């Protein structure tokens, strides 16, 4: 009697682990993919921050516009759009880039840095 009951219990669980794996594995793959993509987006955002700050410092030193764009592009993610402008005594650098991998999504990372032009620093003090 004991042998028959044990045999039935084992037979009833057969395939259970396979079914669980079939359900859980795609969820784990999607979660891992989303996590990696999120980390890539954060890395692109940090690159945009660094590039905008570098460009703003160069523009504040009154470097030529082509030099400012070149320095900013070197620090920015590949394919980034860079805008350099001046408003009164402040220079503004904007870096906009698409995060790597999923280019099809309508999602951009954007960072802006503002610095005071050096020719006006300390004037009027």
PDB file of N, CA and C in Angstrom:
ATOM      1  N   UNK A   1       0.817  -1.180   0.000  1.00  0.00           N
ATOM      2  CA  UNK A   1       0.000   0.000   0.000  1.00  0.00           C
ATOM      3  C   UNK A   1       0.867   1.253   0.000  1.00  0.00           C
ATOM      4  N   UNK A   2       1.874   1.258   0.798  1.00  0.00           N
ATOM      5  CA  UNK A   2       2.755   2.417   0.866  1.00  0.00           C
ATOM      6  C   UNK A   2       3.473   2.650  -0.455  1.00  0.00           C
ATOM      7  N   UNK A   3       3.809   1.584  -1.156  1.00  0.00           N
ATOM      8  CA  UNK A   3       4.543   1.727  -2.407  1.00  0.00           C
ATOM      9  C   UNK A   3       3.663   2.326  -3.487  1.00  0.00           C
ATOM     10  N   UNK A   4       2.409   1.938  -3.552  1.00  0.00           N
ATOM     11  CA  UNK A   4       1.499   2.440  -4.564  1.00  0.00           C
ATOM     12  C   UNK A   4       1.215   3.924  -4.365  1.00  0.00           C
ATOM     13  N   UNK A   5       1.054   4.357  -3.126  1.00  0.00           N
ATOM     14  CA  UNK A   5       0.761   5.763  -2.855  1.00  0.00           C
ATOM     15  C   UNK A   5       1.951   6.645  -3.215  1.00  0.00           C
ATOM     16  N   UNK A   6       3.159   6.194  -2.890  1.00  0.00           N
ATOM     17  CA  UNK A   6       4.342   6.984  -3.234  1.00  0.00           C
ATOM     18  C   UNK A   6       4.485   7.103  -4.754  1.00  0.00           C
ATOM     19  N   UNK A   7       4.207   6.076  -5.455  1.00  0.00           N
ATOM     20  CA  UNK A   7       4.307   6.091  -6.911  1.00  0.00           C
ATOM     21  C   UNK A   7       3.323   7.061  -7.533  1.00  0.00           C
ATOM     22  N   UNK A   8       2.122   7.112  -6.972  1.00  0.00           N
ATOM     23  CA  UNK A   8       1.111   8.029  -7.485  1.00  0.00           C
ATOM     24  C   UNK A   8       1.499   9.480  -7.213  1.00  0.00           C
ATOM     25  N   UNK A   9       2.051   9.770  -6.042  1.00  0.00           N
ATOM     26  CA  UNK A   9       2.442  11.135  -5.697  1.00  0.00           C
ATOM     27  C   UNK A   9       3.554  11.619  -6.626  1.00  0.00           C
ATOM     28  N   UNK A  10       4.510  10.792  -6.892  1.00  0.00           N
ATOM     29  CA  UNK A  10       5.597  11.180  -7.780  1.00  0.00           C
ATOM     30  C   UNK A  10       5.072  11.409  -9.192  1.00  0.00           C
ATOM     31  N   UNK A  11       4.186  10.589  -9.634  1.00  0.00           N
ATOM     32  CA  UNK A  11       3.638  10.733 -10.982  1.00  0.00           C
ATOM     33  C   UNK A  11       2.816  12.002 -11.123  1.00  0.00           C
ATOM     34  N   UNK A  12       2.147  12.436 -10.069  1.00  0.00           N
ATOM     35  CA  UNK A  12       1.327  13.639 -10.113  1.00  0.00           C
ATOM     36  C   UNK A  12       2.155  14.905 -10.207  1.00  0.00           C
ATOM     37  N   UNK A  13       3.384  14.886  -9.732  1.00  0.00           N
ATOM     38  CA  UNK A  13       4.253  16.064  -9.768  1.00  0.00           C
ATOM     39  C   UNK A  13       5.116  16.111 -11.021  1.00  0.00           C
ATOM     40  N   UNK A  14       5.059  15.076 -11.791  1.00  0.00           N
ATOM     41  CA  UNK A  14       5.909  15.018 -12.975  1.00  0.00           C
ATOM     42  C   UNK A  14       5.546  16.161 -13.934  1.00  0.00           C
ATOM     43  N   UNK A  15       6.558  16.946 -14.366  1.00  0.00           N
ATOM     44  CA  UNK A  15       6.337  18.056 -15.278  1.00  0.00           C
ATOM     45  C   UNK A  15       6.036  19.379 -14.596  1.00  0.00           C
ATOM     46  N   UNK A  16       5.883  19.367 -13.273  1.00  0.00           N
ATOM     47  CA  UNK A  16       5.536  20.584 -12.548  1.00  0.00           C
ATOM     48  C   UNK A  16       6.674  21.605 -12.616  1.00  0.00           C
ATOM     49  N   UNK A  17       7.896  21.155 -12.431  1.00  0.00           N
ATOM     50  CA  UNK A  17       9.053  22.060 -12.475  1.00  0.00           C
ATOM     51  C   UNK A  17       9.220  22.619 -13.887  1.00  0.00           C
ATOM     52  N   UNK A  18       8.979  21.828 -14.874  1.00  0.00           N
ATOM     53  CA  UNK A  18       9.081  22.290 -16.255  1.00  0.00           C
ATOM     54  C   UNK A  18       8.046  23.373 -16.535  1.00  0.00           C
ATOM     55  N   UNK A  19       6.844  23.204 -16.052  1.00  0.00           N
ATOM     56  CA  UNK A  19       5.795  24.205 -16.252  1.00  0.00           C
ATOM     57  C   UNK A  19       6.150  25.505 -15.531  1.00  0.00           C
ATOM     58  N   UNK A  20       6.666  25.419 -14.314  1.00  0.00           N
ATOM     59  CA  UNK A  20       7.088  26.620 -13.582  1.00  0.00           C
ATOM     60  C   UNK A  20       8.195  27.353 -14.326  1.00  0.00           C
ATOM     61  N   UNK A  21       9.156  26.594 -14.816  1.00  0.00           N
ATOM     62  CA  UNK A  21      10.268  27.197 -15.555  1.00  0.00           C
ATOM     63  C   UNK A  21       9.776  27.882 -16.817  1.00  0.00           C
ATOM     64  N   UNK A  22       8.824  27.279 -17.485  1.00  0.00           N
ATOM     65  CA  UNK A  22       8.289  27.854 -18.718  1.00  0.00           C
ATOM     66  C   UNK A  22       7.581  29.179 -18.454  1.00  0.00           C
ATOM     67  N   UNK A  23       7.030  29.356 -17.269  1.00  0.00           N
ATOM     68  CA  UNK A  23       6.350  30.598 -16.921  1.00  0.00           C
ATOM     69  C   UNK A  23       7.342  31.629 -16.376  1.00  0.00           C
ATOM     70  N   UNK A  24       8.244  31.215 -15.535  1.00  0.00           N
ATOM     71  CA  UNK A  24       9.144  32.135 -14.843  1.00  0.00           C
ATOM     72  C   UNK A  24      10.294  32.600 -15.726  1.00  0.00           C
ATOM     73  N   UNK A  25      10.828  31.764 -16.562  1.00  0.00           N
ATOM     74  CA  UNK A  25      12.000  32.101 -17.360  1.00  0.00           C
ATOM     75  C   UNK A  25      11.776  33.314 -18.273  1.00  0.00           C
ATOM     76  N   UNK A  26      10.686  33.417 -19.011  1.00  0.00           N
ATOM     77  CA  UNK A  26      10.477  34.621 -19.832  1.00  0.00           C
ATOM     78  C   UNK A  26      10.370  35.895 -18.990  1.00  0.00           C
ATOM     79  N   UNK A  27       9.762  35.791 -17.824  1.00  0.00           N
ATOM     80  CA  UNK A  27       9.660  36.950 -16.942  1.00  0.00           C
ATOM     81  C   UNK A  27      11.046  37.391 -16.487  1.00  0.00           C
ATOM     82  N   UNK A  28      11.887  36.440 -16.127  1.00  0.00           N
ATOM     83  CA  UNK A  28      13.250  36.773 -15.716  1.00  0.00           C
ATOM     84  C   UNK A  28      14.049  37.389 -16.853  1.00  0.00           C
ATOM     85  N   UNK A  29      13.878  36.886 -18.055  1.00  0.00           N
ATOM     86  CA  UNK A  29      14.588  37.442 -19.216  1.00  0.00           C
ATOM     87  C   UNK A  29      14.122  38.873 -19.482  1.00  0.00           C
ATOM     88  N   UNK A  30      12.814  39.112 -19.429  1.00  0.00           N
ATOM     89  CA  UNK A  30      12.304  40.471 -19.643  1.00  0.00           C
ATOM     90  C   UNK A  30      12.783  41.418 -18.545  1.00  0.00           C
ATOM     91  N   UNK A  31      12.784  40.979 -17.310  1.00  0.00           N
ATOM     92  CA  UNK A  31      13.253  41.806 -16.197  1.00  0.00           C
ATOM     93  C   UNK A  31      14.727  42.151 -16.374  1.00  0.00           C
ATOM     94  N   UNK A  32      15.538  41.170 -16.737  1.00  0.00           N
ATOM     95  CA  UNK A  32      16.966  41.405 -16.940  1.00  0.00           C
ATOM     96  C   UNK A  32      17.202  42.362 -18.096  1.00  0.00           C
ATOM     97  N   UNK A  33      16.458  42.196 -19.175  1.00  0.00           N
ATOM     98  CA  UNK A  33      16.584  43.090 -20.327  1.00  0.00           C
ATOM     99  C   UNK A  33      16.212  44.522 -19.939  1.00  0.00           C
ATOM    100  N   UNK A  34      15.121  44.680 -19.209  1.00  0.00           N
ATOM    101  CA  UNK A  34      14.704  46.010 -18.765  1.00  0.00           C
ATOM    102  C   UNK A  34      15.741  46.631 -17.834  1.00  0.00           C
ATOM    103  N   UNK A  35      16.321  45.839 -16.966  1.00  0.00           N
ATOM    104  CA  UNK A  35      17.343  46.337 -16.048  1.00  0.00           C
ATOM    105  C   UNK A  35      18.579  46.805 -16.805  1.00  0.00           C
ATOM    106  N   UNK A  36      19.033  46.017 -17.766  1.00  0.00           N
ATOM    107  CA  UNK A  36      20.210  46.397 -18.559  1.00  0.00           C
ATOM    108  C   UNK A  36      19.913  47.653 -19.367  1.00  0.00           C
ATOM    109  N   UNK A  37      18.742  47.724 -19.987  1.00  0.00           N
ATOM    110  CA  UNK A  37      18.396  48.908 -20.763  1.00  0.00           C
ATOM    111  C   UNK A  37      18.323  50.133 -19.860  1.00  0.00           C
ATOM    112  N   UNK A  38      17.757  49.991 -18.676  1.00  0.00           N
ATOM    113  CA  UNK A  38      17.705  51.103 -17.721  1.00  0.00           C
ATOM    114  C   UNK A  38      19.090  51.589 -17.336  1.00  0.00           C
ATOM    115  N   UNK A  39      20.010  50.669 -17.127  1.00  0.00           N
ATOM    116  CA  UNK A  39      21.382  51.059 -16.808  1.00  0.00           C
ATOM    117  C   UNK A  39      22.037  51.779 -17.979  1.00  0.00           C
ATOM    118  N   UNK A  40      21.753  51.363 -19.203  1.00  0.00           N
ATOM    119  CA  UNK A  40      22.295  52.047 -20.369  1.00  0.00           C
ATOM    120  C   UNK A  40      21.731  53.460 -20.501  1.00  0.00           C
ATOM    121  N   UNK A  41      20.460  53.639 -20.170  1.00  0.00           N
ATOM    122  CA  UNK A  41      19.843  54.968 -20.207  1.00  0.00           C
ATOM    123  C   UNK A  41      20.499  55.872 -19.158  1.00  0.00           C
ATOM    124  N   UNK A  42      20.714  55.351 -17.968  1.00  0.00           N
ATOM    125  CA  UNK A  42      21.365  56.139 -16.910  1.00  0.00           C
ATOM    126  C   UNK A  42      22.791  56.502 -17.320  1.00  0.00           C
ATOM    127  N   UNK A  43      23.508  55.577 -17.926  1.00  0.00           N
ATOM    128  CA  UNK A  43      24.873  55.861 -18.385  1.00  0.00           C
ATOM    129  C   UNK A  43      24.865  56.954 -19.454  1.00  0.00           C
ATOM    130  N   UNK A  44      23.898  56.907 -20.372  1.00  0.00           N
ATOM    131  CA  UNK A  44      23.795  57.948 -21.398  1.00  0.00           C
ATOM    132  C   UNK A  44      23.464  59.300 -20.779  1.00  0.00           C
ATOM    133  N   UNK A  45      22.617  59.302 -19.751  1.00  0.00           N
ATOM    134  CA  UNK A  45      22.275  60.550 -19.056  1.00  0.00           C
ATOM    135  C   UNK A  45      23.514  61.143 -18.393  1.00  0.00           C
ATOM    136  N   UNK A  46      24.313  60.315 -17.757  1.00  0.00           N
ATOM    137  CA  UNK A  46      25.536  60.789 -17.102  1.00  0.00           C
ATOM    138  C   UNK A  46      26.507  61.344 -18.144  1.00  0.00           C
ATOM    139  N   UNK A  47      26.615  60.677 -19.293  1.00  0.00           N
ATOM    140  CA  UNK A  47      27.470  61.198 -20.363  1.00  0.00           C
ATOM    141  C   UNK A  47      26.978  62.553 -20.848  1.00  0.00           C
ATOM    142  N   UNK A  48      25.669  62.729 -20.943  1.00  0.00           N
ATOM    143  CA  UNK A  48      25.117  64.022 -21.351  1.00  0.00           C
ATOM    144  C   UNK A  48      25.431  65.110 -20.332  1.00  0.00           C
ATOM    145  N   UNK A  49      25.341  64.780 -19.047  1.00  0.00           N
ATOM    146  CA  UNK A  49      25.673  65.738 -17.989  1.00  0.00           C
ATOM    147  C   UNK A  49      27.129  66.176 -18.117  1.00  0.00           C
ATOM    148  N   UNK A  50      28.024  65.211 -18.250  1.00  0.00           N
ATOM    149  CA  UNK A  50      29.447  65.520 -18.365  1.00  0.00           C
ATOM    150  C   UNK A  50      29.734  66.350 -19.612  1.00  0.00           C
ATOM    151  N   UNK A  51      29.117  65.987 -20.728  1.00  0.00           N
ATOM    152  CA  UNK A  51      29.350  66.705 -21.981  1.00  0.00           C
ATOM    153  C   UNK A  51      28.842  68.144 -21.889  1.00  0.00           C
ATOM    154  N   UNK A  52      27.652  68.331 -21.316  1.00  0.00           N
ATOM    155  CA  UNK A  52      27.101  69.683 -21.194  1.00  0.00           C
ATOM    156  C   UNK A  52      27.978  70.549 -20.290  1.00  0.00           C
ATOM    157  N   UNK A  53      28.459  70.001 -19.187  1.00  0.00           N
ATOM    158  CA  UNK A  53      29.326  70.762 -18.291  1.00  0.00           C
ATOM    159  C   UNK A  53      30.642  71.114 -18.967  1.00  0.00           C
ATOM    160  N   UNK A  54      31.217  70.159 -19.685  1.00  0.00           N
ATOM    161  CA  UNK A  54      32.466  70.413 -20.393  1.00  0.00           C
ATOM    162  C   UNK A  54      32.279  71.516 -21.430  1.00  0.00           C
ATOM    163  N   UNK A  55      31.204  71.443 -22.184  1.00  0.00           N
ATOM    164  CA  UNK A  55      30.918  72.461 -23.188  1.00  0.00           C
ATOM    165  C   UNK A  55      30.662  73.826 -22.577  1.00  0.00           C
ATOM    166  N   UNK A  56      29.937  73.859 -21.463  1.00  0.00           N
ATOM    167  CA  UNK A  56      29.646  75.140 -20.809  1.00  0.00           C
ATOM    168  C   UNK A  56      30.928  75.783 -20.290  1.00  0.00           C
ATOM    169  N   UNK A  57      31.824  74.977 -19.728  1.00  0.00           N
ATOM    170  CA  UNK A  57      33.108  75.532 -19.259  1.00  0.00           C
ATOM    171  C   UNK A  57      33.910  76.110 -20.418  1.00  0.00           C
ATOM    172  N   UNK A  58      33.952  75.370 -21.531  1.00  0.00           N
ATOM    173  CA  UNK A  58      34.698  75.850 -22.700  1.00  0.00           C
ATOM    174  C   UNK A  58      34.066  77.122 -23.266  1.00  0.00           C
ATOM    175  N   UNK A  59      32.752  77.164 -23.339  1.00  0.00           N
ATOM    176  CA  UNK A  59      32.072  78.352 -23.853  1.00  0.00           C
ATOM    177  C   UNK A  59      32.260  79.539 -22.919  1.00  0.00           C
ATOM    178  N   UNK A  60      32.289  79.291 -21.615  1.00  0.00           N
ATOM    179  CA  UNK A  60      32.500  80.371 -20.651  1.00  0.00           C
ATOM    180  C   UNK A  60      33.902  80.966 -20.784  1.00  0.00           C
ATOM    181  N   UNK A  61      34.879  80.158 -21.221  1.00  0.00           N
ATOM    182  CA  UNK A  61      36.252  80.645 -21.425  1.00  0.00           C
ATOM    183  C   UNK A  61      36.385  81.412 -22.729  1.00  0.00           C
ATOM    184  N   UNK A  62      35.298  81.513 -23.465  1.00  0.00           N
ATOM    185  CA  UNK A  62      35.274  82.195 -24.758  1.00  0.00           C
ATOM    186  C   UNK A  62      36.034  81.420 -25.835  1.00  0.00           C
ATOM    187  N   UNK A  63      36.064  80.086 -25.731  1.00  0.00           N
ATOM    188  CA  UNK A  63      36.639  79.263 -26.796  1.00  0.00           C
ATOM    189  C   UNK A  63      35.797  79.443 -28.057  1.00  0.00           C
ATOM    190  N   UNK A  64      36.384  79.242 -29.241  1.00  0.00           N
ATOM    191  CA  UNK A  64      35.588  79.339 -30.475  1.00  0.00           C
ATOM    192  C   UNK A  64      34.442  78.322 -30.466  1.00  0.00           C
ATOM    193  N   UNK A  65      33.355  78.680 -31.123  1.00  0.00           N
ATOM    194  CA  UNK A  65      32.151  77.830 -31.125  1.00  0.00           C
ATOM    195  C   UNK A  65      32.442  76.431 -31.661  1.00  0.00           C
ATOM    196  N   UNK A  66      33.253  76.343 -32.710  1.00  0.00           N
ATOM    197  CA  UNK A  66      33.576  75.020 -33.274  1.00  0.00           C
ATOM    198  C   UNK A  66      34.339  74.173 -32.260  1.00  0.00           C
ATOM    199  N   UNK A  67      35.203  74.795 -31.493  1.00  0.00           N
ATOM    200  CA  UNK A  67      35.970  74.085 -30.468  1.00  0.00           C
ATOM    201  C   UNK A  67      35.061  73.608 -29.337  1.00  0.00           C
ATOM    202  N   UNK A  68      34.100  74.454 -28.962  1.00  0.00           N
ATOM    203  CA  UNK A  68      33.145  74.076 -27.907  1.00  0.00           C
ATOM    204  C   UNK A  68      32.329  72.864 -28.345  1.00  0.00           C
ATOM    205  N   UNK A  69      31.838  72.884 -29.574  1.00  0.00           N
ATOM    206  CA  UNK A  69      31.037  71.768 -30.086  1.00  0.00           C
ATOM    207  C   UNK A  69      31.889  70.505 -30.163  1.00  0.00           C
ATOM    208  N   UNK A  70      33.129  70.638 -30.605  1.00  0.00           N
ATOM    209  CA  UNK A  70      34.021  69.481 -30.713  1.00  0.00           C
ATOM    210  C   UNK A  70      34.300  68.861 -29.344  1.00  0.00           C
ATOM    211  N   UNK A  71      34.596  69.698 -28.344  1.00  0.00           N
ATOM    212  CA  UNK A  71      34.829  69.186 -26.988  1.00  0.00           C
ATOM    213  C   UNK A  71      33.585  68.506 -26.427  1.00  0.00           C
ATOM    214  N   UNK A  72      32.444  69.133 -26.659  1.00  0.00           N
ATOM    215  CA  UNK A  72      31.187  68.577 -26.157  1.00  0.00           C
ATOM    216  C   UNK A  72      30.868  67.253 -26.840  1.00  0.00           C
ATOM    217  N   UNK A  73      31.065  67.201 -28.156  1.00  0.00           N
ATOM    218  CA  UNK A  73      30.774  65.978 -28.909  1.00  0.00           C
ATOM    219  C   UNK A  73      31.670  64.821 -28.465  1.00  0.00           C
ATOM    220  N   UNK A  74      32.917  65.137 -28.093  1.00  0.00           N
ATOM    221  CA  UNK A  74      33.843  64.092 -27.642  1.00  0.00           C
ATOM    222  C   UNK A  74      33.368  63.451 -26.337  1.00  0.00           C
ATOM    223  N   UNK A  75      32.705  64.223 -25.482  1.00  0.00           N
ATOM    224  CA  UNK A  75      32.244  63.702 -24.192  1.00  0.00           C
ATOM    225  C   UNK A  75      30.818  63.154 -24.251  1.00  0.00           C
ATOM    226  N   UNK A  76      30.076  63.507 -25.291  1.00  0.00           N
ATOM    227  CA  UNK A  76      28.663  63.122 -25.394  1.00  0.00           C
ATOM    228  C   UNK A  76      28.515  61.714 -25.973  1.00  0.00           C
ATOM    229  N   UNK A  77      27.343  61.094 -25.769  1.00  0.00           N
ATOM    230  CA  UNK A  77      27.072  59.807 -26.413  1.00  0.00           C
ATOM    231  C   UNK A  77      27.068  59.959 -27.938  1.00  0.00           C
ATOM    232  N   UNK A  78      27.324  58.880 -28.623  1.00  0.00           N
ATOM    233  CA  UNK A  78      27.377  58.895 -30.091  1.00  0.00           C
ATOM    234  C   UNK A  78      26.037  59.360 -30.667  1.00  0.00           C
ATOM    235  N   UNK A  79      26.108  60.271 -31.630  1.00  0.00           N
ATOM    236  CA  UNK A  79      24.907  60.754 -32.305  1.00  0.00           C
ATOM    237  C   UNK A  79      24.155  61.834 -31.549  1.00  0.00           C
ATOM    238  N   UNK A  80      24.745  62.405 -30.517  1.00  0.00           N
ATOM    239  CA  UNK A  80      24.064  63.425 -29.722  1.00  0.00           C
ATOM    240  C   UNK A  80      23.925  64.724 -30.505  1.00  0.00           C
ATOM    241  N   UNK A  81      22.834  65.442 -30.240  1.00  0.00           N
ATOM    242  CA  UNK A  81      22.633  66.773 -30.815  1.00  0.00           C
ATOM    243  C   UNK A  81      23.088  67.795 -29.788  1.00  0.00           C
ATOM    244  N   UNK A  82      23.892  68.745 -30.215  1.00  0.00           N
ATOM    245  CA  UNK A  82      24.489  69.720 -29.289  1.00  0.00           C
ATOM    246  C   UNK A  82      24.079  71.115 -29.729  1.00  0.00           C
ATOM    247  N   UNK A  83      23.628  71.910 -28.771  1.00  0.00           N
ATOM    248  CA  UNK A  83      23.250  73.294 -29.030  1.00  0.00           C
ATOM    249  C   UNK A  83      24.032  74.179 -28.074  1.00  0.00           C
ATOM    250  N   UNK A  84      24.701  75.181 -28.625  1.00  0.00           N
ATOM    251  CA  UNK A  84      25.456  76.137 -27.814  1.00  0.00           C
ATOM    252  C   UNK A  84      24.842  77.503 -28.061  1.00  0.00           C
ATOM    253  N   UNK A  85      24.516  78.198 -26.992  1.00  0.00           N
ATOM    254  CA  UNK A  85      23.923  79.526 -27.132  1.00  0.00           C
ATOM    255  C   UNK A  85      24.383  80.465 -26.042  1.00  0.00           C
ATOM    256  N   UNK A  86      24.092  81.729 -26.244  1.00  0.00           N
ATOM    257  CA  UNK A  86      24.459  82.740 -25.256  1.00  0.00           C
ATOM    258  C   UNK A  86      23.262  83.632 -25.018  1.00  0.00           C
ATOM    259  N   UNK A  87      22.984  83.876 -23.746  1.00  0.00           N
ATOM    260  CA  UNK A  87      21.881  84.747 -23.342  1.00  0.00           C
ATOM    261  C   UNK A  87      22.449  85.766 -22.364  1.00  0.00           C
ATOM    262  N   UNK A  88      22.740  86.951 -22.841  1.00  0.00           N
ATOM    263  CA  UNK A  88      23.328  87.981 -21.984  1.00  0.00           C
ATOM    264  C   UNK A  88      24.734  87.584 -21.573  1.00  0.00           C
ATOM    265  N   UNK A  89      24.947  87.476 -20.277  1.00  0.00           N
ATOM    266  CA  UNK A  89      26.282  87.115 -19.780  1.00  0.00           C
ATOM    267  C   UNK A  89      26.397  85.629 -19.449  1.00  0.00           C
ATOM    268  N   UNK A  90      25.441  84.837 -19.886  1.00  0.00           N
ATOM    269  CA  UNK A  90      25.475  83.393 -19.624  1.00  0.00           C
ATOM    270  C   UNK A  90      25.552  82.597 -20.920  1.00  0.00           C
ATOM    271  N   UNK A  91      26.306  81.512 -20.862  1.00  0.00           N
ATOM    272  CA  UNK A  91      26.363  80.585 -21.996  1.00  0.00           C
ATOM    273  C   UNK A  91      25.588  79.335 -21.604  1.00  0.00           C
ATOM    274  N   UNK A  92      24.940  78.738 -22.592  1.00  0.00           N
ATOM    275  CA  UNK A  92      24.098  77.562 -22.342  1.00  0.00           C
ATOM    276  C   UNK A  92      24.457  76.486 -23.355  1.00  0.00           C
ATOM    277  N   UNK A  93      24.695  75.276 -22.857  1.00  0.00           N
ATOM    278  CA  UNK A  93      24.984  74.131 -23.718  1.00  0.00           C
ATOM    279  C   UNK A  93      23.942  73.062 -23.432  1.00  0.00           C
ATOM    280  N   UNK A  94      23.283  72.590 -24.486  1.00  0.00           N
ATOM    281  CA  UNK A  94      22.255  71.554 -24.373  1.00  0.00           C
ATOM    282  C   UNK A  94      22.717  70.330 -25.163  1.00  0.00           C
ATOM    283  N   UNK A  95      22.664  69.175 -24.527  1.00  0.00           N
ATOM    284  CA  UNK A  95      23.028  67.916 -25.169  1.00  0.00           C
ATOM    285  C   UNK A  95      21.804  67.005 -25.130  1.00  0.00           C
ATOM    286  N   UNK A  96      21.389  66.535 -26.291  1.00  0.00           N
ATOM    287  CA  UNK A  96      20.241  65.626 -26.409  1.00  0.00           C
ATOM    288  C   UNK A  96      20.719  64.382 -27.159  1.00  0.00           C
ATOM    289  N   UNK A  97      20.458  63.216 -26.574  1.00  0.00           N
ATOM    290  CA  UNK A  97      20.912  61.966 -27.203  1.00  0.00           C
ATOM    291  C   UNK A  97      19.860  60.889 -27.044  1.00  0.00           C
ATOM    292  N   UNK A  98      19.881  59.954 -27.963  1.00  0.00           N
ATOM    293  CA  UNK A  98      19.032  58.759 -27.855  1.00  0.00           C
ATOM    294  C   UNK A  98      19.795  57.720 -27.065  1.00  0.00           C
ATOM    295  N   UNK A  99      19.144  57.051 -26.123  1.00  0.00           N
ATOM    296  CA  UNK A  99      19.837  55.994 -25.397  1.00  0.00           C
ATOM    297  C   UNK A  99      20.197  54.842 -26.325  1.00  0.00           C
ATOM    298  N   UNK A 100      21.262  54.132 -26.013  1.00  0.00           N
ATOM    299  CA  UNK A 100      21.666  53.020 -26.874  1.00  0.00           C
ATOM    300  C   UNK A 100      20.655  51.875 -26.846  1.00  0.00           C
ATOM    301  N   UNK A 101      20.777  50.997 -27.759  1.00  0.00           N
ATOM    302  CA  UNK A 101      20.007  49.766 -27.927  1.00  0.00           C
ATOM    303  C   UNK A 101      18.644  50.051 -28.550  1.00  0.00           C
ATOM    304  N   UNK A 102      17.612  50.323 -27.792  1.00  0.00           N
ATOM    305  CA  UNK A 102      16.247  50.435 -28.323  1.00  0.00           C
ATOM    306  C   UNK A 102      16.020  51.809 -28.953  1.00  0.00           C
ATOM    307  N   UNK A 103      16.561  52.016 -30.151  1.00  0.00           N
ATOM    308  CA  UNK A 103      16.444  53.302 -30.830  1.00  0.00           C
ATOM    309  C   UNK A 103      15.030  53.575 -31.320  1.00  0.00           C
ATOM    310  N   UNK A 104      14.202  52.574 -31.424  1.00  0.00           N
ATOM    311  CA  UNK A 104      12.858  52.751 -31.934  1.00  0.00           C
ATOM    312  C   UNK A 104      11.928  53.492 -30.981  1.00  0.00           C
ATOM    313  N   UNK A 105      12.280  53.552 -29.718  1.00  0.00           N
ATOM    314  CA  UNK A 105      11.417  54.227 -28.752  1.00  0.00           C
ATOM    315  C   UNK A 105      11.564  55.739 -28.870  1.00  0.00           C
ATOM    316  N   UNK A 106      10.473  56.487 -28.730  1.00  0.00           N
ATOM    317  CA  UNK A 106      10.554  57.950 -28.797  1.00  0.00           C
ATOM    318  C   UNK A 106      11.027  58.512 -27.454  1.00  0.00           C
ATOM    319  N   UNK A 107      12.267  58.255 -27.127  1.00  0.00           N
ATOM    320  CA  UNK A 107      12.788  58.574 -25.808  1.00  0.00           C
ATOM    321  C   UNK A 107      14.181  59.184 -25.964  1.00  0.00           C
ATOM    322  N   UNK A 108      14.382  60.388 -25.462  1.00  0.00           N
ATOM    323  CA  UNK A 108      15.683  61.054 -25.502  1.00  0.00           C
ATOM    324  C   UNK A 108      16.114  61.379 -24.087  1.00  0.00           C
ATOM    325  N   UNK A 109      17.420  61.389 -23.885  1.00  0.00           N
ATOM    326  CA  UNK A 109      17.959  61.930 -22.640  1.00  0.00           C
ATOM    327  C   UNK A 109      18.477  63.318 -22.976  1.00  0.00           C
ATOM    328  N   UNK A 110      18.270  64.253 -22.058  1.00  0.00           N
ATOM    329  CA  UNK A 110      18.602  65.651 -22.318  1.00  0.00           C
ATOM    330  C   UNK A 110      19.251  66.243 -21.081  1.00  0.00           C
ATOM    331  N   UNK A 111      20.281  67.022 -21.313  1.00  0.00           N
ATOM    332  CA  UNK A 111      20.923  67.721 -20.193  1.00  0.00           C
ATOM    333  C   UNK A 111      21.344  69.094 -20.671  1.00  0.00           C
ATOM    334  N   UNK A 112      21.311  70.016 -19.746  1.00  0.00           N
ATOM    335  CA  UNK A 112      21.613  71.409 -20.048  1.00  0.00           C
ATOM    336  C   UNK A 112      22.542  71.943 -18.971  1.00  0.00           C
ATOM    337  N   UNK A 113      23.549  72.712 -19.382  1.00  0.00           N
ATOM    338  CA  UNK A 113      24.460  73.341 -18.428  1.00  0.00           C
ATOM    339  C   UNK A 113      24.578  74.820 -18.768  1.00  0.00           C
ATOM    340  N   UNK A 114      24.611  75.640 -17.742  1.00  0.00           N
ATOM    341  CA  UNK A 114      24.704  77.089 -17.910  1.00  0.00           C
ATOM    342  C   UNK A 114      25.908  77.568 -17.110  1.00  0.00           C
ATOM    343  N   UNK A 115      26.686  78.477 -17.707  1.00  0.00           N
ATOM    344  CA  UNK A 115      27.832  79.055 -17.016  1.00  0.00           C
ATOM    345  C   UNK A 115      27.897  80.537 -17.340  1.00  0.00           C
ATOM    346  N   UNK A 116      28.483  81.286 -16.442  1.00  0.00           N
ATOM    347  CA  UNK A 116      28.637  82.697 -16.668  1.00  0.00           C
ATOM    348  C   UNK A 116      29.906  82.939 -17.475  1.00  0.00           C
ATOM    349  N   UNK A 117      29.802  83.772 -18.521  1.00  0.00           N
ATOM    350  CA  UNK A 117      30.949  84.053 -19.369  1.00  0.00           C
ATOM    351  C   UNK A 117      32.040  84.738 -18.546  1.00  0.00           C
ATOM    352  N   UNK A 118      33.266  84.328 -18.764  1.00  0.00           N
ATOM    353  CA  UNK A 118      34.378  84.840 -17.963  1.00  0.00           C
ATOM    354  C   UNK A 118      34.618  86.316 -18.136  1.00  0.00           C
ATOM    355  N   UNK A 119      34.278  86.871 -19.256  1.00  0.00           N
ATOM    356  CA  UNK A 119      34.498  88.319 -19.468  1.00  0.00           C
ATOM    357  C   UNK A 119      33.650  89.160 -18.526  1.00  0.00           C
ATOM    358  N   UNK A 120      32.580  88.577 -17.967  1.00  0.00           N
ATOM    359  CA  UNK A 120      31.697  89.339 -17.081  1.00  0.00           C
ATOM    360  C   UNK A 120      31.857  88.934 -15.614  1.00  0.00           C
ATOM    361  N   UNK A 121      32.662  87.934 -15.320  1.00  0.00           N
ATOM    362  CA  UNK A 121      32.831  87.494 -13.946  1.00  0.00           C
ATOM    363  C   UNK A 121      33.578  88.574 -13.173  1.00  0.00           C
ATOM    364  N   UNK A 122      33.020  89.009 -12.080  1.00  0.00           N
ATOM    365  CA  UNK A 122      33.671  90.000 -11.222  1.00  0.00           C
ATOM    366  C   UNK A 122      33.425  91.433 -11.639  1.00  0.00           C
ATOM    367  N   UNK A 123      32.742  91.692 -12.750  1.00  0.00           N
ATOM    368  CA  UNK A 123      32.446  93.047 -13.198  1.00  0.00           C
ATOM    369  C   UNK A 123      31.383  93.629 -12.289  1.00  0.00           C
ATOM    370  N   UNK A 124      31.599  94.852 -11.845  1.00  0.00           N
ATOM    371  CA  UNK A 124      30.615  95.529 -11.005  1.00  0.00           C
ATOM    372  C   UNK A 124      30.781  95.235  -9.527  1.00  0.00           C
ATOM    373  N   UNK A 125      31.809  94.488  -9.127  1.00  0.00           N
ATOM    374  CA  UNK A 125      32.014  94.194  -7.710  1.00  0.00           C
ATOM    375  C   UNK A 125      32.825  95.270  -7.053  1.00  0.00           C
TER     376      UNK A 125
END
